[in-house]
Amino acid sequence: MKNDFQKLLDKFRRLSLPVRQYAIYGSGPLAARGIREAKDLDVIVTDNLYQKLKEEYPRDSKKERIKIGEIEIYPSWAWEPKINGLEGVIKRAEVINGLRFIRLDDLLECKRKMGRPKDFEDIRLIRDYLQNQNLGKLRKISY
């Protein structure tokens, strides 16, 4: 039986967004790596793709985003916090199970700038995860 996050990813896959024009951020990259759960999917897209999606899906009246159930799609210019070179963040995204997720170092920068209590907890989780990944690499090298 699929968990809720896998069902959410399946729903996102059905949108068939063009490769290299989107990246999943927020809790998605954490859930994809088994760091913590995600209840929704935040997606940043190139401005050109956002313009095309606006024609097909209704925009949220409260924020500049397209909301499709638990999937929220943002154009790079409306993404908070403001990060220089956001198009580069999308291009650098890592592919996990066929989908593009922003890199953890980019997510760390985002979480630091947002500075909410839940962001500080995510920062701790990301650092612990990266530290454990690096320890695993060192163990492999030392044998």
N, C-alpha and C. Protein backbone atom coordinates (compact mmCIF):
# COMPACT_ATOMS: atom_id res chain seq x y z
N MET A 1 0.84 -1.19 0.00
CA MET A 1 0.00 0.00 0.00
C MET A 1 0.89 1.25 0.00
N LYS A 2 0.57 2.20 -0.84
CA LYS A 2 1.37 3.42 -0.95
C LYS A 2 1.08 4.36 0.21
N ASN A 3 2.15 5.03 0.67
CA ASN A 3 1.92 6.04 1.71
C ASN A 3 1.42 7.33 1.06
N ASP A 4 1.01 8.27 1.90
CA ASP A 4 0.43 9.52 1.40
C ASP A 4 1.40 10.30 0.53
N PHE A 5 2.69 10.31 0.90
CA PHE A 5 3.67 11.05 0.11
C PHE A 5 3.81 10.44 -1.28
N GLN A 6 3.83 9.13 -1.37
CA GLN A 6 3.93 8.48 -2.68
C GLN A 6 2.72 8.77 -3.54
N LYS A 7 1.55 8.81 -2.92
CA LYS A 7 0.33 9.16 -3.66
C LYS A 7 0.41 10.60 -4.18
N LEU A 8 0.95 11.48 -3.35
CA LEU A 8 1.12 12.87 -3.75
C LEU A 8 2.10 12.99 -4.91
N LEU A 9 3.18 12.24 -4.86
CA LEU A 9 4.16 12.24 -5.96
C LEU A 9 3.54 11.69 -7.24
N ASP A 10 2.72 10.66 -7.10
CA ASP A 10 2.04 10.11 -8.28
C ASP A 10 1.12 11.15 -8.92
N LYS A 11 0.41 11.89 -8.08
CA LYS A 11 -0.47 12.95 -8.59
C LYS A 11 0.37 14.01 -9.29
N PHE A 12 1.51 14.35 -8.71
CA PHE A 12 2.38 15.34 -9.33
C PHE A 12 2.92 14.85 -10.66
N ARG A 13 3.31 13.59 -10.73
CA ARG A 13 3.82 13.02 -11.99
C ARG A 13 2.80 13.17 -13.12
N ARG A 14 1.53 13.04 -12.79
CA ARG A 14 0.49 13.15 -13.82
C ARG A 14 0.41 14.55 -14.43
N LEU A 15 0.98 15.55 -13.76
CA LEU A 15 1.02 16.89 -14.33
C LEU A 15 2.00 16.97 -15.50
N SER A 16 2.95 16.04 -15.55
CA SER A 16 3.93 15.95 -16.65
C SER A 16 4.63 17.28 -16.92
N LEU A 17 5.17 17.89 -15.87
CA LEU A 17 5.90 19.14 -16.06
C LEU A 17 7.21 18.88 -16.78
N PRO A 18 7.64 19.82 -17.62
CA PRO A 18 8.88 19.63 -18.38
C PRO A 18 10.10 19.55 -17.46
N VAL A 19 10.97 18.62 -17.79
CA VAL A 19 12.21 18.44 -17.02
C VAL A 19 13.02 19.74 -17.06
N ARG A 20 13.71 20.02 -16.00
CA ARG A 20 14.58 21.20 -15.84
C ARG A 20 13.82 22.52 -15.76
N GLN A 21 12.51 22.44 -15.59
CA GLN A 21 11.74 23.67 -15.43
C GLN A 21 11.02 23.72 -14.09
N TYR A 22 11.29 22.75 -13.23
CA TYR A 22 10.67 22.74 -11.91
C TYR A 22 11.61 22.08 -10.90
N ALA A 23 11.34 22.36 -9.64
CA ALA A 23 12.03 21.66 -8.55
C ALA A 23 11.09 21.65 -7.36
N ILE A 24 11.01 20.52 -6.71
CA ILE A 24 10.20 20.39 -5.50
C ILE A 24 11.05 20.89 -4.34
N TYR A 25 10.45 21.70 -3.48
CA TYR A 25 11.19 22.22 -2.33
C TYR A 25 10.33 22.06 -1.08
N GLY A 26 10.64 22.78 -0.02
CA GLY A 26 9.89 22.68 1.23
C GLY A 26 10.16 21.35 1.90
N SER A 27 9.11 20.68 2.32
CA SER A 27 9.27 19.40 3.00
C SER A 27 9.47 18.24 2.01
N GLY A 28 9.20 18.46 0.73
CA GLY A 28 9.34 17.40 -0.27
C GLY A 28 10.72 16.77 -0.33
N PRO A 29 11.80 17.58 -0.42
CA PRO A 29 13.13 16.98 -0.46
C PRO A 29 13.47 16.20 0.82
N LEU A 30 12.88 16.60 1.94
CA LEU A 30 13.10 15.88 3.19
C LEU A 30 12.38 14.53 3.17
N ALA A 31 11.15 14.54 2.72
CA ALA A 31 10.38 13.30 2.65
C ALA A 31 10.97 12.33 1.63
N ALA A 32 11.46 12.86 0.51
CA ALA A 32 12.04 12.00 -0.53
C ALA A 32 13.27 11.26 -0.02
N ARG A 33 13.95 11.83 0.97
CA ARG A 33 15.14 11.22 1.54
C ARG A 33 14.85 10.49 2.85
N GLY A 34 13.59 10.44 3.25
CA GLY A 34 13.22 9.75 4.48
C GLY A 34 13.59 10.51 5.74
N ILE A 35 13.78 11.82 5.64
CA ILE A 35 14.18 12.63 6.81
C ILE A 35 12.97 12.96 7.67
N ARG A 36 11.88 13.34 7.05
CA ARG A 36 10.61 13.57 7.75
C ARG A 36 9.48 13.52 6.74
N GLU A 37 8.26 13.46 7.24
CA GLU A 37 7.09 13.37 6.37
C GLU A 37 6.75 14.71 5.74
N ALA A 38 5.98 14.64 4.67
CA ALA A 38 5.46 15.84 4.01
C ALA A 38 3.97 15.63 3.77
N LYS A 39 3.20 16.66 4.04
CA LYS A 39 1.75 16.57 3.84
C LYS A 39 1.31 17.26 2.56
N ASP A 40 2.20 18.07 1.99
CA ASP A 40 1.89 18.75 0.73
C ASP A 40 3.14 18.79 -0.12
N LEU A 41 3.02 19.35 -1.29
CA LEU A 41 4.15 19.44 -2.21
C LEU A 41 4.26 20.87 -2.71
N ASP A 42 5.39 21.50 -2.39
CA ASP A 42 5.67 22.85 -2.86
C ASP A 42 6.61 22.73 -4.05
N VAL A 43 6.26 23.40 -5.14
CA VAL A 43 7.02 23.29 -6.37
C VAL A 43 7.34 24.69 -6.89
N ILE A 44 8.59 24.91 -7.22
CA ILE A 44 9.00 26.16 -7.84
C ILE A 44 9.22 25.86 -9.32
N VAL A 45 8.71 26.74 -10.18
CA VAL A 45 8.83 26.52 -11.62
C VAL A 45 9.42 27.76 -12.28
N THR A 46 9.95 27.58 -13.47
CA THR A 46 10.44 28.73 -14.23
C THR A 46 9.27 29.64 -14.54
N ASP A 47 9.57 30.89 -14.75
CA ASP A 47 8.51 31.85 -15.02
C ASP A 47 7.75 31.52 -16.31
N ASN A 48 8.45 31.03 -17.32
CA ASN A 48 7.78 30.65 -18.57
C ASN A 48 6.79 29.53 -18.35
N LEU A 49 7.19 28.53 -17.58
CA LEU A 49 6.28 27.42 -17.30
C LEU A 49 5.09 27.90 -16.49
N TYR A 50 5.33 28.78 -15.53
CA TYR A 50 4.23 29.30 -14.71
C TYR A 50 3.19 30.01 -15.59
N GLN A 51 3.66 30.78 -16.56
CA GLN A 51 2.72 31.48 -17.46
C GLN A 51 1.84 30.47 -18.21
N LYS A 52 2.44 29.36 -18.63
CA LYS A 52 1.67 28.33 -19.34
C LYS A 52 0.67 27.65 -18.40
N LEU A 53 1.12 27.35 -17.18
CA LEU A 53 0.25 26.67 -16.22
C LEU A 53 -0.93 27.55 -15.79
N LYS A 54 -0.72 28.87 -15.76
CA LYS A 54 -1.80 29.80 -15.39
C LYS A 54 -2.98 29.69 -16.36
N GLU A 55 -2.67 29.35 -17.60
CA GLU A 55 -3.73 29.23 -18.60
C GLU A 55 -4.56 27.96 -18.40
N GLU A 56 -3.96 26.97 -17.76
CA GLU A 56 -4.64 25.69 -17.59
C GLU A 56 -5.27 25.50 -16.21
N TYR A 57 -4.64 26.08 -15.18
CA TYR A 57 -5.09 25.89 -13.80
C TYR A 57 -5.41 27.24 -13.16
N PRO A 58 -6.41 27.28 -12.30
CA PRO A 58 -6.73 28.55 -11.63
C PRO A 58 -5.66 28.92 -10.59
N ARG A 59 -5.45 30.22 -10.45
CA ARG A 59 -4.50 30.71 -9.46
C ARG A 59 -5.21 30.90 -8.13
N ASP A 60 -4.45 30.81 -7.07
CA ASP A 60 -4.93 31.06 -5.72
C ASP A 60 -5.19 32.56 -5.59
N SER A 61 -6.31 32.95 -5.03
CA SER A 61 -6.62 34.37 -4.90
C SER A 61 -5.85 35.04 -3.76
N LYS A 62 -5.28 34.25 -2.83
CA LYS A 62 -4.57 34.81 -1.69
C LYS A 62 -3.08 35.00 -1.95
N LYS A 63 -2.49 34.13 -2.75
CA LYS A 63 -1.06 34.18 -3.04
C LYS A 63 -0.85 33.98 -4.53
N GLU A 64 0.31 34.39 -5.00
CA GLU A 64 0.65 34.13 -6.40
C GLU A 64 1.13 32.69 -6.49
N ARG A 65 0.21 31.80 -6.69
CA ARG A 65 0.51 30.37 -6.82
C ARG A 65 -0.66 29.68 -7.48
N ILE A 66 -0.37 28.50 -7.97
CA ILE A 66 -1.41 27.61 -8.49
C ILE A 66 -1.53 26.48 -7.48
N LYS A 67 -2.73 26.23 -7.03
CA LYS A 67 -2.94 25.19 -6.03
C LYS A 67 -3.80 24.10 -6.64
N ILE A 68 -3.22 22.90 -6.68
CA ILE A 68 -3.92 21.73 -7.21
C ILE A 68 -3.96 20.72 -6.08
N GLY A 69 -5.02 20.76 -5.29
CA GLY A 69 -5.09 19.91 -4.11
C GLY A 69 -3.95 20.26 -3.15
N GLU A 70 -3.14 19.28 -2.81
CA GLU A 70 -2.02 19.49 -1.89
C GLU A 70 -0.74 19.92 -2.62
N ILE A 71 -0.84 20.20 -3.90
CA ILE A 71 0.31 20.64 -4.69
C ILE A 71 0.21 22.14 -4.90
N GLU A 72 1.27 22.86 -4.49
CA GLU A 72 1.31 24.31 -4.65
C GLU A 72 2.47 24.65 -5.58
N ILE A 73 2.16 25.35 -6.67
CA ILE A 73 3.17 25.69 -7.68
C ILE A 73 3.38 27.20 -7.67
N TYR A 74 4.66 27.58 -7.53
CA TYR A 74 5.03 28.99 -7.43
C TYR A 74 5.95 29.39 -8.58
N PRO A 75 5.79 30.63 -9.08
CA PRO A 75 6.77 31.15 -10.03
C PRO A 75 7.99 31.61 -9.26
N SER A 76 9.14 31.65 -9.90
CA SER A 76 10.36 32.00 -9.18
C SER A 76 10.29 33.41 -8.60
N TRP A 77 9.61 34.34 -9.25
CA TRP A 77 9.56 35.72 -8.76
C TRP A 77 8.69 35.89 -7.54
N ALA A 78 7.81 34.95 -7.26
CA ALA A 78 6.92 35.06 -6.10
C ALA A 78 7.38 34.17 -4.94
N TRP A 79 8.48 33.46 -5.15
CA TRP A 79 8.94 32.52 -4.13
C TRP A 79 9.54 33.25 -2.96
N GLU A 80 9.17 32.87 -1.77
CA GLU A 80 9.75 33.42 -0.55
C GLU A 80 10.51 32.31 0.14
N PRO A 81 11.68 32.57 0.67
CA PRO A 81 12.35 33.86 0.68
C PRO A 81 13.02 34.12 -0.67
N LYS A 82 13.33 35.36 -0.92
CA LYS A 82 14.03 35.70 -2.16
C LYS A 82 15.44 35.12 -2.11
N ILE A 83 15.77 34.33 -3.10
CA ILE A 83 17.09 33.74 -3.20
C ILE A 83 17.65 34.11 -4.56
N ASN A 84 18.84 34.65 -4.56
CA ASN A 84 19.48 35.01 -5.82
C ASN A 84 19.73 33.76 -6.65
N GLY A 85 19.51 33.89 -7.94
CA GLY A 85 19.81 32.78 -8.84
C GLY A 85 18.87 31.60 -8.70
N LEU A 86 17.60 31.88 -8.48
CA LEU A 86 16.64 30.80 -8.28
C LEU A 86 16.55 29.88 -9.49
N GLU A 87 16.72 30.43 -10.68
CA GLU A 87 16.72 29.57 -11.87
C GLU A 87 17.84 28.54 -11.75
N GLY A 88 18.97 28.93 -11.15
CA GLY A 88 20.07 28.00 -10.91
C GLY A 88 19.69 26.91 -9.92
N VAL A 89 18.90 27.26 -8.92
CA VAL A 89 18.42 26.28 -7.95
C VAL A 89 17.62 25.20 -8.68
N ILE A 90 16.79 25.63 -9.61
CA ILE A 90 15.99 24.68 -10.39
C ILE A 90 16.91 23.82 -11.25
N LYS A 91 17.88 24.42 -11.90
CA LYS A 91 18.79 23.66 -12.77
C LYS A 91 19.64 22.67 -12.00
N ARG A 92 20.03 23.02 -10.76
CA ARG A 92 20.88 22.15 -9.93
C ARG A 92 20.11 21.04 -9.25
N ALA A 93 18.80 21.05 -9.34
CA ALA A 93 17.98 20.09 -8.60
C ALA A 93 18.45 18.66 -8.84
N GLU A 94 18.30 17.85 -7.80
CA GLU A 94 18.68 16.43 -7.87
C GLU A 94 17.46 15.59 -8.27
N VAL A 95 17.72 14.57 -9.04
CA VAL A 95 16.64 13.67 -9.45
C VAL A 95 16.59 12.50 -8.47
N ILE A 96 15.42 12.33 -7.87
CA ILE A 96 15.17 11.22 -6.94
C ILE A 96 13.91 10.54 -7.42
N ASN A 97 14.02 9.27 -7.75
CA ASN A 97 12.88 8.50 -8.26
C ASN A 97 12.18 9.20 -9.42
N GLY A 98 12.98 9.79 -10.29
CA GLY A 98 12.46 10.39 -11.51
C GLY A 98 11.91 11.80 -11.36
N LEU A 99 11.95 12.37 -10.15
CA LEU A 99 11.45 13.73 -9.94
C LEU A 99 12.58 14.62 -9.44
N ARG A 100 12.44 15.92 -9.70
CA ARG A 100 13.50 16.89 -9.37
C ARG A 100 13.21 17.56 -8.03
N PHE A 101 14.17 17.45 -7.11
CA PHE A 101 14.07 18.05 -5.78
C PHE A 101 15.25 18.99 -5.59
N ILE A 102 15.01 20.16 -4.96
CA ILE A 102 16.14 21.05 -4.76
C ILE A 102 17.14 20.39 -3.84
N ARG A 103 18.39 20.74 -4.03
CA ARG A 103 19.48 20.17 -3.24
C ARG A 103 19.33 20.61 -1.79
N LEU A 104 19.84 19.78 -0.90
CA LEU A 104 19.71 20.09 0.51
C LEU A 104 20.46 21.37 0.90
N ASP A 105 21.59 21.66 0.25
CA ASP A 105 22.29 22.90 0.58
C ASP A 105 21.47 24.12 0.17
N ASP A 106 20.75 24.03 -0.94
CA ASP A 106 19.85 25.13 -1.34
C ASP A 106 18.66 25.22 -0.38
N LEU A 107 18.16 24.08 0.06
CA LEU A 107 17.05 24.07 1.01
C LEU A 107 17.48 24.67 2.35
N LEU A 108 18.71 24.38 2.76
CA LEU A 108 19.24 24.97 4.00
C LEU A 108 19.23 26.50 3.91
N GLU A 109 19.69 27.04 2.80
CA GLU A 109 19.70 28.49 2.63
C GLU A 109 18.28 29.05 2.73
N CYS A 110 17.35 28.38 2.09
CA CYS A 110 15.95 28.80 2.12
C CYS A 110 15.42 28.76 3.55
N LYS A 111 15.65 27.69 4.25
CA LYS A 111 15.16 27.54 5.62
C LYS A 111 15.77 28.58 6.55
N ARG A 112 17.05 28.87 6.37
CA ARG A 112 17.70 29.90 7.19
C ARG A 112 17.04 31.26 6.98
N LYS A 113 16.76 31.59 5.73
CA LYS A 113 16.16 32.90 5.44
C LYS A 113 14.73 32.99 5.93
N MET A 114 13.99 31.90 5.90
CA MET A 114 12.61 31.94 6.35
C MET A 114 12.55 32.08 7.87
N GLY A 115 13.38 31.33 8.58
CA GLY A 115 13.54 31.52 10.01
C GLY A 115 12.35 31.23 10.90
N ARG A 116 11.41 30.43 10.45
CA ARG A 116 10.27 30.06 11.29
C ARG A 116 10.69 28.92 12.22
N PRO A 117 9.98 28.70 13.33
CA PRO A 117 10.35 27.59 14.23
C PRO A 117 10.46 26.24 13.51
N LYS A 118 9.52 25.96 12.59
CA LYS A 118 9.60 24.68 11.87
C LYS A 118 10.83 24.63 10.96
N ASP A 119 11.29 25.79 10.48
CA ASP A 119 12.48 25.83 9.64
C ASP A 119 13.73 25.48 10.45
N PHE A 120 13.79 25.96 11.69
CA PHE A 120 14.94 25.64 12.54
C PHE A 120 15.01 24.15 12.83
N GLU A 121 13.86 23.53 13.02
CA GLU A 121 13.84 22.08 13.22
C GLU A 121 14.29 21.36 11.94
N ASP A 122 13.83 21.83 10.79
CA ASP A 122 14.27 21.23 9.52
C ASP A 122 15.77 21.41 9.31
N ILE A 123 16.30 22.57 9.68
CA ILE A 123 17.75 22.80 9.56
C ILE A 123 18.50 21.76 10.38
N ARG A 124 18.03 21.52 11.61
CA ARG A 124 18.68 20.51 12.45
C ARG A 124 18.60 19.12 11.80
N LEU A 125 17.43 18.78 11.27
CA LEU A 125 17.25 17.48 10.63
C LEU A 125 18.16 17.32 9.40
N ILE A 126 18.26 18.38 8.61
CA ILE A 126 19.11 18.34 7.41
C ILE A 126 20.57 18.19 7.80
N ARG A 127 21.01 18.96 8.77
CA ARG A 127 22.41 18.86 9.22
C ARG A 127 22.73 17.47 9.75
N ASP A 128 21.82 16.90 10.55
CA ASP A 128 22.03 15.54 11.06
C ASP A 128 22.11 14.54 9.91
N TYR A 129 21.22 14.69 8.95
CA TYR A 129 21.21 13.79 7.79
C TYR A 129 22.52 13.89 7.01
N LEU A 130 22.94 15.12 6.72
CA LEU A 130 24.19 15.31 5.96
C LEU A 130 25.39 14.79 6.73
N GLN A 131 25.39 15.00 8.03
CA GLN A 131 26.50 14.50 8.85
C GLN A 131 26.54 12.97 8.80
N ASN A 132 25.38 12.33 8.90
CA ASN A 132 25.33 10.86 8.82
C ASN A 132 25.75 10.36 7.44
N GLN A 133 25.37 11.09 6.39
CA GLN A 133 25.78 10.71 5.04
C GLN A 133 27.30 10.79 4.90
N ASN A 134 27.88 11.86 5.42
CA ASN A 134 29.34 12.03 5.35
C ASN A 134 30.06 10.98 6.17
N LEU A 135 29.52 10.61 7.33
CA LEU A 135 30.13 9.56 8.15
C LEU A 135 30.11 8.23 7.40
N GLY A 136 29.01 7.95 6.71
CA GLY A 136 28.89 6.72 5.93
C GLY A 136 29.93 6.67 4.82
N LYS A 137 30.18 7.80 4.18
CA LYS A 137 31.20 7.86 3.12
C LYS A 137 32.58 7.62 3.70
N LEU A 138 32.85 8.22 4.87
CA LEU A 138 34.16 8.04 5.50
C LEU A 138 34.39 6.59 5.89
N ARG A 139 33.35 5.93 6.37
CA ARG A 139 33.48 4.52 6.75
C ARG A 139 33.81 3.66 5.53
N LYS A 140 33.18 3.95 4.40
CA LYS A 140 33.45 3.19 3.19
C LYS A 140 34.90 3.39 2.73
N ILE A 141 35.39 4.61 2.86
CA ILE A 141 36.76 4.91 2.44
C ILE A 141 37.78 4.25 3.36
N SER A 142 37.48 4.18 4.65
CA SER A 142 38.47 3.69 5.60
C SER A 142 38.64 2.17 5.56
N TYR A 143 37.76 1.43 4.90
CA TYR A 143 37.90 -0.03 4.86
C TYR A 143 38.87 -0.47 3.81
